[in-house]
Amino acid sequence: MKKIAVFASGTGTNAVKILEYARQTGSYEVSLAVTNRTDSVFASRMLAEGVKLYVVNNAFLSCEKPLLEVLLEKDIDLIVLAGFLRKIPDELIEAFPGRIVNIHPALLPKYGGKGMYGMHVHEAVRTAQEAETGITIHLVNEEYDKGRVLFQAFVPVQTDDDAAAIAARVQKLEWEHYPRVIAEYLQELP
């Protein structure tokens, strides 16, 4: 069975959906949870579910080699970013080429790049009066949100939507598609 490591910083709602999907389908195993915030809801949830937790500090670089060693020791096939609010170091990207995926709460290439996460994205979509938005699941490379797109899904934006309404609609797409797309991508990997 293929093994994944899930990286998150906040509530980890996507991570929980990924873990539930993995356990229900047997498609993959969540072998490691990585966070930069020990006080995060994600950290508590993963520990409660019996998933090994690894904490990196916000400087990240000082933890880079030990984290890489842990990932290699656990035979991780894929790193899954699920709301991890730190840039992934180039060394980790080089060690896992084509093996790091991210989900972005907009239709890339629009509303991507540094600083475009969470409600910042949804506010930008609302301000631009977009007719639709959605999610993008993509591979991670050295540039924010520039990796190869694996999947996109769309939802309409209503004229009276605020950022919170857009976020709720987009989050449903994330929960529906991210766990499955991970499984499908893992099948493509050797």
N, C-alpha and C. Protein backbone atom coordinates (compact mmCIF):
# COMPACT_ATOMS: atom_id res chain seq x y z
N MET A 1 0.85 -1.18 0.00
CA MET A 1 0.00 0.00 0.00
C MET A 1 0.89 1.24 0.00
N LYS A 2 0.50 2.22 -0.79
CA LYS A 2 1.26 3.48 -0.87
C LYS A 2 1.04 4.28 0.41
N LYS A 3 2.08 5.02 0.79
CA LYS A 3 2.06 5.80 2.03
C LYS A 3 2.17 7.28 1.72
N ILE A 4 1.37 8.07 2.45
CA ILE A 4 1.44 9.52 2.28
C ILE A 4 1.76 10.20 3.61
N ALA A 5 2.33 11.39 3.49
CA ALA A 5 2.51 12.28 4.62
C ALA A 5 1.67 13.51 4.33
N VAL A 6 0.86 13.91 5.30
CA VAL A 6 0.00 15.08 5.13
C VAL A 6 0.59 16.23 5.94
N PHE A 7 0.77 17.38 5.28
CA PHE A 7 1.30 18.58 5.91
C PHE A 7 0.15 19.58 6.06
N ALA A 8 -0.04 20.13 7.28
CA ALA A 8 -1.07 21.15 7.50
C ALA A 8 -0.66 22.06 8.64
N SER A 9 -1.23 23.25 8.67
CA SER A 9 -0.92 24.23 9.71
C SER A 9 -2.12 24.59 10.59
N GLY A 10 -3.32 24.43 10.08
CA GLY A 10 -4.49 24.95 10.80
C GLY A 10 -5.44 23.89 11.30
N THR A 11 -6.67 23.93 10.82
CA THR A 11 -7.70 23.02 11.33
C THR A 11 -7.58 21.61 10.77
N GLY A 12 -7.02 21.48 9.60
CA GLY A 12 -6.82 20.15 9.04
C GLY A 12 -8.08 19.46 8.57
N THR A 13 -9.08 20.23 8.16
CA THR A 13 -10.32 19.58 7.71
C THR A 13 -10.09 18.73 6.47
N ASN A 14 -9.26 19.20 5.55
CA ASN A 14 -8.93 18.37 4.39
C ASN A 14 -8.19 17.12 4.82
N ALA A 15 -7.28 17.26 5.77
CA ALA A 15 -6.51 16.11 6.25
C ALA A 15 -7.43 15.04 6.85
N VAL A 16 -8.44 15.48 7.58
CA VAL A 16 -9.39 14.52 8.17
C VAL A 16 -10.14 13.79 7.06
N LYS A 17 -10.58 14.51 6.04
CA LYS A 17 -11.27 13.87 4.91
C LYS A 17 -10.35 12.89 4.19
N ILE A 18 -9.08 13.25 4.05
CA ILE A 18 -8.10 12.37 3.42
C ILE A 18 -7.92 11.11 4.25
N LEU A 19 -7.79 11.27 5.55
CA LEU A 19 -7.63 10.12 6.45
C LEU A 19 -8.86 9.22 6.41
N GLU A 20 -10.05 9.81 6.46
CA GLU A 20 -11.29 9.03 6.38
C GLU A 20 -11.35 8.24 5.07
N TYR A 21 -11.03 8.88 3.97
CA TYR A 21 -11.06 8.22 2.66
C TYR A 21 -10.07 7.06 2.63
N ALA A 22 -8.87 7.31 3.14
CA ALA A 22 -7.83 6.27 3.15
C ALA A 22 -8.30 5.05 3.94
N ARG A 23 -8.91 5.29 5.08
CA ARG A 23 -9.36 4.17 5.92
C ARG A 23 -10.57 3.46 5.32
N GLN A 24 -11.46 4.20 4.69
CA GLN A 24 -12.66 3.59 4.10
C GLN A 24 -12.35 2.79 2.85
N THR A 25 -11.42 3.27 2.04
CA THR A 25 -11.16 2.63 0.74
C THR A 25 -9.93 1.74 0.72
N GLY A 26 -9.02 1.95 1.66
CA GLY A 26 -7.77 1.20 1.63
C GLY A 26 -6.87 1.58 0.47
N SER A 27 -7.11 2.75 -0.12
CA SER A 27 -6.35 3.21 -1.29
C SER A 27 -4.92 3.58 -0.95
N TYR A 28 -4.72 4.11 0.23
CA TYR A 28 -3.40 4.55 0.68
C TYR A 28 -3.43 4.67 2.19
N GLU A 29 -2.25 4.84 2.77
CA GLU A 29 -2.14 4.96 4.22
C GLU A 29 -1.58 6.34 4.56
N VAL A 30 -2.20 7.00 5.53
CA VAL A 30 -1.66 8.25 6.05
C VAL A 30 -0.66 7.85 7.14
N SER A 31 0.63 7.88 6.79
CA SER A 31 1.68 7.38 7.68
C SER A 31 2.31 8.45 8.56
N LEU A 32 2.14 9.70 8.17
CA LEU A 32 2.79 10.77 8.91
C LEU A 32 2.00 12.07 8.73
N ALA A 33 1.91 12.83 9.82
CA ALA A 33 1.32 14.17 9.79
C ALA A 33 2.43 15.15 10.15
N VAL A 34 2.57 16.21 9.37
CA VAL A 34 3.62 17.20 9.60
C VAL A 34 2.95 18.56 9.78
N THR A 35 3.37 19.27 10.82
CA THR A 35 2.82 20.60 11.08
C THR A 35 3.92 21.53 11.57
N ASN A 36 3.67 22.81 11.45
CA ASN A 36 4.55 23.82 12.02
C ASN A 36 3.90 24.46 13.24
N ARG A 37 2.74 23.92 13.65
CA ARG A 37 2.02 24.49 14.79
C ARG A 37 1.53 23.37 15.71
N THR A 38 2.18 23.23 16.85
CA THR A 38 1.79 22.19 17.80
C THR A 38 0.41 22.46 18.39
N ASP A 39 -0.02 23.72 18.38
CA ASP A 39 -1.32 24.09 18.94
C ASP A 39 -2.45 24.00 17.92
N SER A 40 -2.16 23.49 16.73
CA SER A 40 -3.18 23.46 15.69
C SER A 40 -4.21 22.36 15.95
N VAL A 41 -5.40 22.58 15.46
CA VAL A 41 -6.45 21.57 15.53
C VAL A 41 -6.00 20.33 14.74
N PHE A 42 -5.31 20.56 13.63
CA PHE A 42 -4.77 19.46 12.82
C PHE A 42 -3.91 18.53 13.67
N ALA A 43 -2.97 19.10 14.44
CA ALA A 43 -2.07 18.28 15.26
C ALA A 43 -2.87 17.43 16.25
N SER A 44 -3.84 18.05 16.91
CA SER A 44 -4.67 17.31 17.87
C SER A 44 -5.46 16.20 17.20
N ARG A 45 -6.04 16.50 16.05
CA ARG A 45 -6.84 15.50 15.34
C ARG A 45 -6.00 14.31 14.90
N MET A 46 -4.83 14.58 14.35
CA MET A 46 -3.99 13.49 13.86
C MET A 46 -3.50 12.62 15.02
N LEU A 47 -3.11 13.24 16.13
CA LEU A 47 -2.70 12.47 17.30
C LEU A 47 -3.85 11.62 17.81
N ALA A 48 -5.05 12.20 17.87
CA ALA A 48 -6.23 11.45 18.33
C ALA A 48 -6.54 10.26 17.42
N GLU A 49 -6.19 10.38 16.15
CA GLU A 49 -6.44 9.30 15.18
C GLU A 49 -5.29 8.31 15.11
N GLY A 50 -4.26 8.53 15.93
CA GLY A 50 -3.14 7.60 15.97
C GLY A 50 -2.12 7.77 14.86
N VAL A 51 -2.12 8.93 14.21
CA VAL A 51 -1.16 9.20 13.15
C VAL A 51 0.07 9.85 13.77
N LYS A 52 1.25 9.34 13.45
CA LYS A 52 2.49 9.91 13.97
C LYS A 52 2.61 11.37 13.53
N LEU A 53 2.96 12.24 14.48
CA LEU A 53 3.05 13.67 14.23
C LEU A 53 4.51 14.11 14.26
N TYR A 54 4.90 14.90 13.27
CA TYR A 54 6.24 15.48 13.22
C TYR A 54 6.06 16.99 13.15
N VAL A 55 6.77 17.71 14.02
CA VAL A 55 6.64 19.17 14.09
C VAL A 55 7.92 19.81 13.58
N VAL A 56 7.75 20.73 12.62
CA VAL A 56 8.87 21.53 12.14
C VAL A 56 8.72 22.93 12.72
N ASN A 57 9.85 23.60 12.94
CA ASN A 57 9.72 24.98 13.42
C ASN A 57 9.50 25.90 12.23
N ASN A 58 9.15 27.13 12.52
CA ASN A 58 8.81 28.05 11.44
C ASN A 58 10.00 28.44 10.57
N ALA A 59 11.20 28.27 11.07
CA ALA A 59 12.38 28.52 10.24
C ALA A 59 12.50 27.43 9.18
N PHE A 60 11.96 26.26 9.49
CA PHE A 60 11.88 25.11 8.58
C PHE A 60 13.25 24.58 8.19
N LEU A 61 14.14 25.44 7.75
CA LEU A 61 15.43 24.97 7.25
C LEU A 61 16.21 24.21 8.31
N SER A 62 16.07 24.59 9.57
CA SER A 62 16.81 23.88 10.62
C SER A 62 16.25 22.48 10.84
N CYS A 63 15.04 22.22 10.36
CA CYS A 63 14.42 20.90 10.52
C CYS A 63 14.45 20.09 9.23
N GLU A 64 14.94 20.69 8.19
CA GLU A 64 14.82 20.11 6.87
C GLU A 64 15.44 18.71 6.76
N LYS A 65 16.69 18.55 7.18
CA LYS A 65 17.33 17.24 7.04
C LYS A 65 16.65 16.19 7.91
N PRO A 66 16.39 16.49 9.18
CA PRO A 66 15.69 15.47 9.97
C PRO A 66 14.33 15.09 9.37
N LEU A 67 13.58 16.07 8.87
CA LEU A 67 12.29 15.77 8.27
C LEU A 67 12.48 14.88 7.05
N LEU A 68 13.44 15.21 6.21
CA LEU A 68 13.70 14.39 5.04
C LEU A 68 14.04 12.96 5.45
N GLU A 69 14.84 12.82 6.50
CA GLU A 69 15.18 11.48 6.99
C GLU A 69 13.94 10.73 7.45
N VAL A 70 13.06 11.41 8.17
CA VAL A 70 11.83 10.76 8.64
C VAL A 70 10.97 10.33 7.46
N LEU A 71 10.83 11.19 6.47
CA LEU A 71 10.03 10.85 5.28
C LEU A 71 10.61 9.63 4.56
N LEU A 72 11.92 9.59 4.45
CA LEU A 72 12.56 8.46 3.77
C LEU A 72 12.47 7.18 4.61
N GLU A 73 12.65 7.30 5.93
CA GLU A 73 12.54 6.14 6.81
C GLU A 73 11.15 5.53 6.76
N LYS A 74 10.14 6.36 6.64
CA LYS A 74 8.75 5.88 6.61
C LYS A 74 8.32 5.45 5.21
N ASP A 75 9.25 5.52 4.25
CA ASP A 75 8.96 5.13 2.86
C ASP A 75 7.75 5.87 2.29
N ILE A 76 7.72 7.18 2.50
CA ILE A 76 6.61 8.00 2.03
C ILE A 76 6.65 8.08 0.50
N ASP A 77 5.52 7.76 -0.12
CA ASP A 77 5.41 7.82 -1.57
C ASP A 77 4.99 9.20 -2.07
N LEU A 78 4.20 9.91 -1.25
CA LEU A 78 3.64 11.18 -1.69
C LEU A 78 3.47 12.11 -0.49
N ILE A 79 3.87 13.36 -0.67
CA ILE A 79 3.62 14.40 0.33
C ILE A 79 2.39 15.16 -0.13
N VAL A 80 1.43 15.32 0.78
CA VAL A 80 0.17 15.97 0.48
C VAL A 80 0.05 17.23 1.33
N LEU A 81 -0.01 18.38 0.69
CA LEU A 81 -0.17 19.64 1.41
C LEU A 81 -1.66 19.92 1.54
N ALA A 82 -2.08 20.17 2.77
CA ALA A 82 -3.50 20.39 3.05
C ALA A 82 -3.64 21.60 3.97
N GLY A 83 -3.30 22.76 3.43
CA GLY A 83 -3.35 23.97 4.24
C GLY A 83 -2.07 24.17 5.04
N PHE A 84 -0.94 23.79 4.46
CA PHE A 84 0.36 24.00 5.11
C PHE A 84 0.88 25.36 4.66
N LEU A 85 1.01 26.28 5.62
CA LEU A 85 1.29 27.67 5.28
C LEU A 85 2.77 28.02 5.36
N ARG A 86 3.59 27.12 4.88
CA ARG A 86 5.02 27.37 4.78
C ARG A 86 5.48 26.97 3.39
N LYS A 87 6.46 27.67 2.86
CA LYS A 87 7.02 27.28 1.57
C LYS A 87 7.84 26.00 1.76
N ILE A 88 7.66 25.07 0.87
CA ILE A 88 8.41 23.82 0.93
C ILE A 88 9.83 24.09 0.43
N PRO A 89 10.85 23.72 1.20
CA PRO A 89 12.23 23.97 0.78
C PRO A 89 12.57 23.23 -0.52
N ASP A 90 13.40 23.86 -1.32
CA ASP A 90 13.81 23.26 -2.60
C ASP A 90 14.40 21.86 -2.42
N GLU A 91 15.14 21.66 -1.33
CA GLU A 91 15.77 20.36 -1.10
C GLU A 91 14.72 19.25 -0.96
N LEU A 92 13.60 19.57 -0.34
CA LEU A 92 12.52 18.58 -0.20
C LEU A 92 11.86 18.33 -1.55
N ILE A 93 11.68 19.38 -2.33
CA ILE A 93 11.10 19.25 -3.67
C ILE A 93 12.02 18.40 -4.54
N GLU A 94 13.32 18.61 -4.42
CA GLU A 94 14.28 17.82 -5.20
C GLU A 94 14.28 16.36 -4.77
N ALA A 95 14.08 16.10 -3.48
CA ALA A 95 14.08 14.72 -2.97
C ALA A 95 12.79 13.98 -3.35
N PHE A 96 11.71 14.72 -3.61
CA PHE A 96 10.41 14.13 -3.96
C PHE A 96 9.89 14.74 -5.27
N PRO A 97 10.63 14.60 -6.37
CA PRO A 97 10.17 15.21 -7.63
C PRO A 97 8.88 14.57 -8.12
N GLY A 98 7.88 15.41 -8.39
CA GLY A 98 6.59 14.89 -8.84
C GLY A 98 5.85 14.12 -7.77
N ARG A 99 6.27 14.28 -6.53
CA ARG A 99 5.67 13.52 -5.43
C ARG A 99 5.20 14.42 -4.28
N ILE A 100 4.91 15.67 -4.61
CA ILE A 100 4.32 16.59 -3.64
C ILE A 100 3.12 17.23 -4.32
N VAL A 101 1.94 17.09 -3.71
CA VAL A 101 0.74 17.70 -4.27
C VAL A 101 0.19 18.74 -3.30
N ASN A 102 -0.50 19.71 -3.87
CA ASN A 102 -1.12 20.78 -3.10
C ASN A 102 -2.52 21.01 -3.64
N ILE A 103 -3.36 21.54 -2.78
CA ILE A 103 -4.69 21.98 -3.22
C ILE A 103 -4.76 23.48 -3.03
N HIS A 104 -5.27 24.17 -4.04
CA HIS A 104 -5.39 25.62 -3.99
C HIS A 104 -6.87 25.98 -4.14
N PRO A 105 -7.37 26.92 -3.32
CA PRO A 105 -8.80 27.24 -3.33
C PRO A 105 -9.22 28.23 -4.41
N ALA A 106 -8.70 28.06 -5.60
CA ALA A 106 -9.09 28.88 -6.76
C ALA A 106 -8.67 28.15 -8.02
N LEU A 107 -9.09 28.69 -9.13
CA LEU A 107 -8.76 28.09 -10.42
C LEU A 107 -7.46 28.70 -10.94
N LEU A 108 -6.36 28.03 -10.62
CA LEU A 108 -5.07 28.52 -11.10
C LEU A 108 -5.06 28.55 -12.62
N PRO A 109 -4.38 29.49 -13.23
CA PRO A 109 -3.38 30.36 -12.65
C PRO A 109 -3.92 31.61 -11.95
N LYS A 110 -5.22 31.83 -11.97
CA LYS A 110 -5.77 33.00 -11.27
C LYS A 110 -5.64 32.83 -9.76
N TYR A 111 -5.37 33.92 -9.09
CA TYR A 111 -5.38 34.00 -7.63
C TYR A 111 -4.42 33.02 -6.97
N GLY A 112 -3.26 32.85 -7.58
CA GLY A 112 -2.22 32.01 -7.00
C GLY A 112 -1.02 32.85 -6.63
N GLY A 113 -0.04 32.19 -6.05
CA GLY A 113 1.22 32.85 -5.70
C GLY A 113 1.32 33.16 -4.23
N LYS A 114 2.44 33.75 -3.86
CA LYS A 114 2.73 34.05 -2.47
C LYS A 114 1.64 34.95 -1.88
N GLY A 115 1.19 34.60 -0.70
CA GLY A 115 0.17 35.38 0.00
C GLY A 115 -1.26 35.08 -0.41
N MET A 116 -1.44 34.26 -1.43
CA MET A 116 -2.79 33.92 -1.88
C MET A 116 -3.20 32.57 -1.29
N TYR A 117 -3.80 32.64 -0.13
CA TYR A 117 -4.29 31.44 0.54
C TYR A 117 -5.54 31.81 1.34
N GLY A 118 -6.34 30.80 1.65
CA GLY A 118 -7.51 30.99 2.49
C GLY A 118 -8.42 32.12 2.04
N MET A 119 -8.83 32.92 3.01
CA MET A 119 -9.80 33.98 2.73
C MET A 119 -9.24 35.07 1.82
N HIS A 120 -7.92 35.21 1.75
CA HIS A 120 -7.33 36.18 0.81
C HIS A 120 -7.77 35.85 -0.62
N VAL A 121 -7.77 34.57 -0.94
CA VAL A 121 -8.16 34.13 -2.28
C VAL A 121 -9.64 34.43 -2.52
N HIS A 122 -10.48 34.08 -1.57
CA HIS A 122 -11.92 34.25 -1.75
C HIS A 122 -12.31 35.73 -1.82
N GLU A 123 -11.63 36.57 -1.04
CA GLU A 123 -11.86 38.02 -1.13
C GLU A 123 -11.49 38.54 -2.52
N ALA A 124 -10.37 38.05 -3.05
CA ALA A 124 -9.93 38.49 -4.38
C ALA A 124 -10.93 38.05 -5.45
N VAL A 125 -11.45 36.85 -5.33
CA VAL A 125 -12.46 36.34 -6.28
C VAL A 125 -13.72 37.21 -6.21
N ARG A 126 -14.15 37.54 -4.98
CA ARG A 126 -15.35 38.36 -4.80
C ARG A 126 -15.13 39.77 -5.35
N THR A 127 -14.00 40.36 -5.03
CA THR A 127 -13.68 41.71 -5.49
C THR A 127 -13.65 41.80 -7.01
N ALA A 128 -13.13 40.75 -7.64
CA ALA A 128 -13.04 40.73 -9.11
C ALA A 128 -14.37 40.38 -9.77
N GLN A 129 -15.37 40.07 -8.96
CA GLN A 129 -16.71 39.71 -9.44
C GLN A 129 -16.67 38.56 -10.44
N GLU A 130 -15.89 37.54 -10.09
CA GLU A 130 -15.80 36.35 -10.93
C GLU A 130 -17.14 35.63 -10.98
N ALA A 131 -17.45 35.03 -12.09
CA ALA A 131 -18.69 34.25 -12.23
C ALA A 131 -18.53 32.84 -11.67
N GLU A 132 -17.28 32.37 -11.61
CA GLU A 132 -17.03 31.05 -11.05
C GLU A 132 -15.67 31.02 -10.39
N THR A 133 -15.51 30.06 -9.52
CA THR A 133 -14.24 29.79 -8.87
C THR A 133 -14.16 28.28 -8.69
N GLY A 134 -13.25 27.82 -7.87
CA GLY A 134 -13.14 26.38 -7.70
C GLY A 134 -11.88 25.99 -6.98
N ILE A 135 -11.40 24.79 -7.29
CA ILE A 135 -10.18 24.27 -6.69
C ILE A 135 -9.22 23.82 -7.78
N THR A 136 -7.96 23.84 -7.44
CA THR A 136 -6.92 23.29 -8.30
C THR A 136 -6.05 22.37 -7.46
N ILE A 137 -5.90 21.15 -7.90
CA ILE A 137 -4.97 20.21 -7.28
C ILE A 137 -3.79 20.11 -8.23
N HIS A 138 -2.60 20.39 -7.71
CA HIS A 138 -1.43 20.49 -8.59
C HIS A 138 -0.18 19.95 -7.92
N LEU A 139 0.80 19.63 -8.74
CA LEU A 139 2.10 19.24 -8.22
C LEU A 139 2.83 20.49 -7.73
N VAL A 140 3.72 20.30 -6.77
CA VAL A 140 4.48 21.40 -6.21
C VAL A 140 5.86 21.45 -6.87
N ASN A 141 6.24 22.66 -7.25
CA ASN A 141 7.61 22.88 -7.72
C ASN A 141 8.18 24.06 -6.94
N GLU A 142 9.28 24.62 -7.42
CA GLU A 142 9.97 25.68 -6.68
C GLU A 142 9.19 27.00 -6.64
N GLU A 143 8.19 27.18 -7.47
CA GLU A 143 7.41 28.42 -7.49
C GLU A 143 6.02 28.17 -6.91
N TYR A 144 5.54 29.13 -6.12
CA TYR A 144 4.19 29.00 -5.55
C TYR A 144 3.15 28.78 -6.64
N ASP A 145 2.38 27.72 -6.51
CA ASP A 145 1.20 27.47 -7.35
C ASP A 145 1.49 27.41 -8.84
N LYS A 146 2.67 26.97 -9.23
CA LYS A 146 3.04 26.91 -10.65
C LYS A 146 3.24 25.48 -11.15
N GLY A 147 3.06 24.48 -10.29
CA GLY A 147 3.27 23.10 -10.71
C GLY A 147 2.17 22.60 -11.63
N ARG A 148 2.43 21.46 -12.25
CA ARG A 148 1.48 20.86 -13.21
C ARG A 148 0.13 20.61 -12.55
N VAL A 149 -0.92 21.05 -13.21
CA VAL A 149 -2.28 20.87 -12.71
C VAL A 149 -2.71 19.42 -12.93
N LEU A 150 -3.20 18.80 -11.85
CA LEU A 150 -3.71 17.43 -11.93
C LEU A 150 -5.22 17.41 -12.09
N PHE A 151 -5.90 18.42 -11.49
CA PHE A 151 -7.37 18.40 -11.47
C PHE A 151 -7.89 19.78 -11.11
N GLN A 152 -9.00 20.15 -11.72
CA GLN A 152 -9.73 21.36 -11.33
C GLN A 152 -11.22 21.04 -11.28
N ALA A 153 -11.92 21.69 -10.35
CA ALA A 153 -13.37 21.59 -10.25
C ALA A 153 -13.90 23.01 -10.04
N PHE A 154 -15.09 23.25 -10.53
CA PHE A 154 -15.66 24.60 -10.59
C PHE A 154 -16.95 24.70 -9.78
N VAL A 155 -17.20 25.90 -9.23
CA VAL A 155 -18.48 26.24 -8.62
C VAL A 155 -18.84 27.66 -9.03
N PRO A 156 -20.14 27.96 -9.14
CA PRO A 156 -20.53 29.33 -9.48
C PRO A 156 -20.34 30.27 -8.29
N VAL A 157 -20.13 31.53 -8.60
CA VAL A 157 -20.10 32.58 -7.59
C VAL A 157 -21.34 33.43 -7.80
N GLN A 158 -22.15 33.55 -6.76
CA GLN A 158 -23.36 34.36 -6.83
C GLN A 158 -23.01 35.83 -6.59
N THR A 159 -23.77 36.73 -7.18
CA THR A 159 -23.46 38.16 -7.06
C THR A 159 -23.53 38.65 -5.61
N ASP A 160 -24.33 38.00 -4.77
CA ASP A 160 -24.44 38.43 -3.38
C ASP A 160 -23.55 37.63 -2.43
N ASP A 161 -22.68 36.77 -2.97
CA ASP A 161 -21.77 35.99 -2.12
C ASP A 161 -20.74 36.89 -1.45
N ASP A 162 -20.50 36.63 -0.17
CA ASP A 162 -19.34 37.23 0.47
C ASP A 162 -18.23 36.17 0.47
N ALA A 163 -17.06 36.53 0.97
CA ALA A 163 -15.92 35.60 0.94
C ALA A 163 -16.22 34.31 1.70
N ALA A 164 -16.96 34.41 2.80
CA ALA A 164 -17.28 33.22 3.60
C ALA A 164 -18.17 32.25 2.82
N ALA A 165 -19.12 32.77 2.08
CA ALA A 165 -20.00 31.91 1.27
C ALA A 165 -19.20 31.22 0.17
N ILE A 166 -18.30 31.96 -0.44
CA ILE A 166 -17.44 31.37 -1.48
C ILE A 166 -16.57 30.29 -0.86
N ALA A 167 -15.98 30.58 0.30
CA ALA A 167 -15.10 29.63 0.98
C ALA A 167 -15.84 28.33 1.31
N ALA A 168 -17.08 28.45 1.78
CA ALA A 168 -17.86 27.25 2.13
C ALA A 168 -18.12 26.38 0.91
N ARG A 169 -18.44 27.01 -0.20
CA ARG A 169 -18.70 26.27 -1.43
C ARG A 169 -17.42 25.59 -1.95
N VAL A 170 -16.32 26.31 -1.89
CA VAL A 170 -15.04 25.77 -2.34
C VAL A 170 -14.59 24.63 -1.44
N GLN A 171 -14.80 24.78 -0.14
CA GLN A 171 -14.38 23.72 0.79
C GLN A 171 -15.10 22.41 0.51
N LYS A 172 -16.37 22.48 0.15
CA LYS A 172 -17.10 21.26 -0.21
C LYS A 172 -16.44 20.56 -1.40
N LEU A 173 -15.99 21.35 -2.37
CA LEU A 173 -15.27 20.76 -3.52
C LEU A 173 -13.98 20.09 -3.06
N GLU A 174 -13.26 20.75 -2.16
CA GLU A 174 -12.01 20.18 -1.66
C GLU A 174 -12.27 18.83 -1.02
N TRP A 175 -13.24 18.76 -0.14
CA TRP A 175 -13.55 17.51 0.56
C TRP A 175 -13.99 16.42 -0.40
N GLU A 176 -14.74 16.81 -1.41
CA GLU A 176 -15.25 15.84 -2.38
C GLU A 176 -14.15 15.26 -3.26
N HIS A 177 -13.22 16.09 -3.68
CA HIS A 177 -12.27 15.66 -4.71
C HIS A 177 -10.85 15.34 -4.26
N TYR A 178 -10.32 16.04 -3.27
CA TYR A 178 -8.91 15.88 -2.94
C TYR A 178 -8.53 14.43 -2.57
N PRO A 179 -9.27 13.78 -1.66
CA PRO A 179 -8.87 12.41 -1.31
C PRO A 179 -8.85 11.46 -2.51
N ARG A 180 -9.81 11.59 -3.39
CA ARG A 180 -9.90 10.72 -4.57
C ARG A 180 -8.78 11.01 -5.56
N VAL A 181 -8.50 12.29 -5.81
CA VAL A 181 -7.44 12.64 -6.75
C VAL A 181 -6.08 12.15 -6.23
N ILE A 182 -5.88 12.20 -4.93
CA ILE A 182 -4.65 11.64 -4.34
C ILE A 182 -4.54 10.16 -4.69
N ALA A 183 -5.62 9.42 -4.48
CA ALA A 183 -5.61 7.98 -4.79
C ALA A 183 -5.32 7.73 -6.26
N GLU A 184 -5.95 8.49 -7.12
CA GLU A 184 -5.73 8.32 -8.56
C GLU A 184 -4.29 8.65 -8.95
N TYR A 185 -3.74 9.70 -8.37
CA TYR A 185 -2.36 10.07 -8.69
C TYR A 185 -1.38 9.01 -8.17
N LEU A 186 -1.64 8.49 -7.00
CA LEU A 186 -0.77 7.44 -6.46
C LEU A 186 -0.72 6.22 -7.38
N GLN A 187 -1.83 5.92 -8.04
CA GLN A 187 -1.85 4.78 -8.97
C GLN A 187 -0.93 5.02 -10.17
N GLU A 188 -0.71 6.28 -10.52
CA GLU A 188 0.18 6.60 -11.64
C GLU A 188 1.65 6.48 -11.27
N LEU A 189 1.96 6.56 -9.97
CA LEU A 189 3.35 6.53 -9.55
C LEU A 189 3.89 5.11 -9.55
N PRO A 190 5.18 4.97 -9.89
CA PRO A 190 5.79 3.62 -9.87
C PRO A 190 5.92 3.08 -8.46
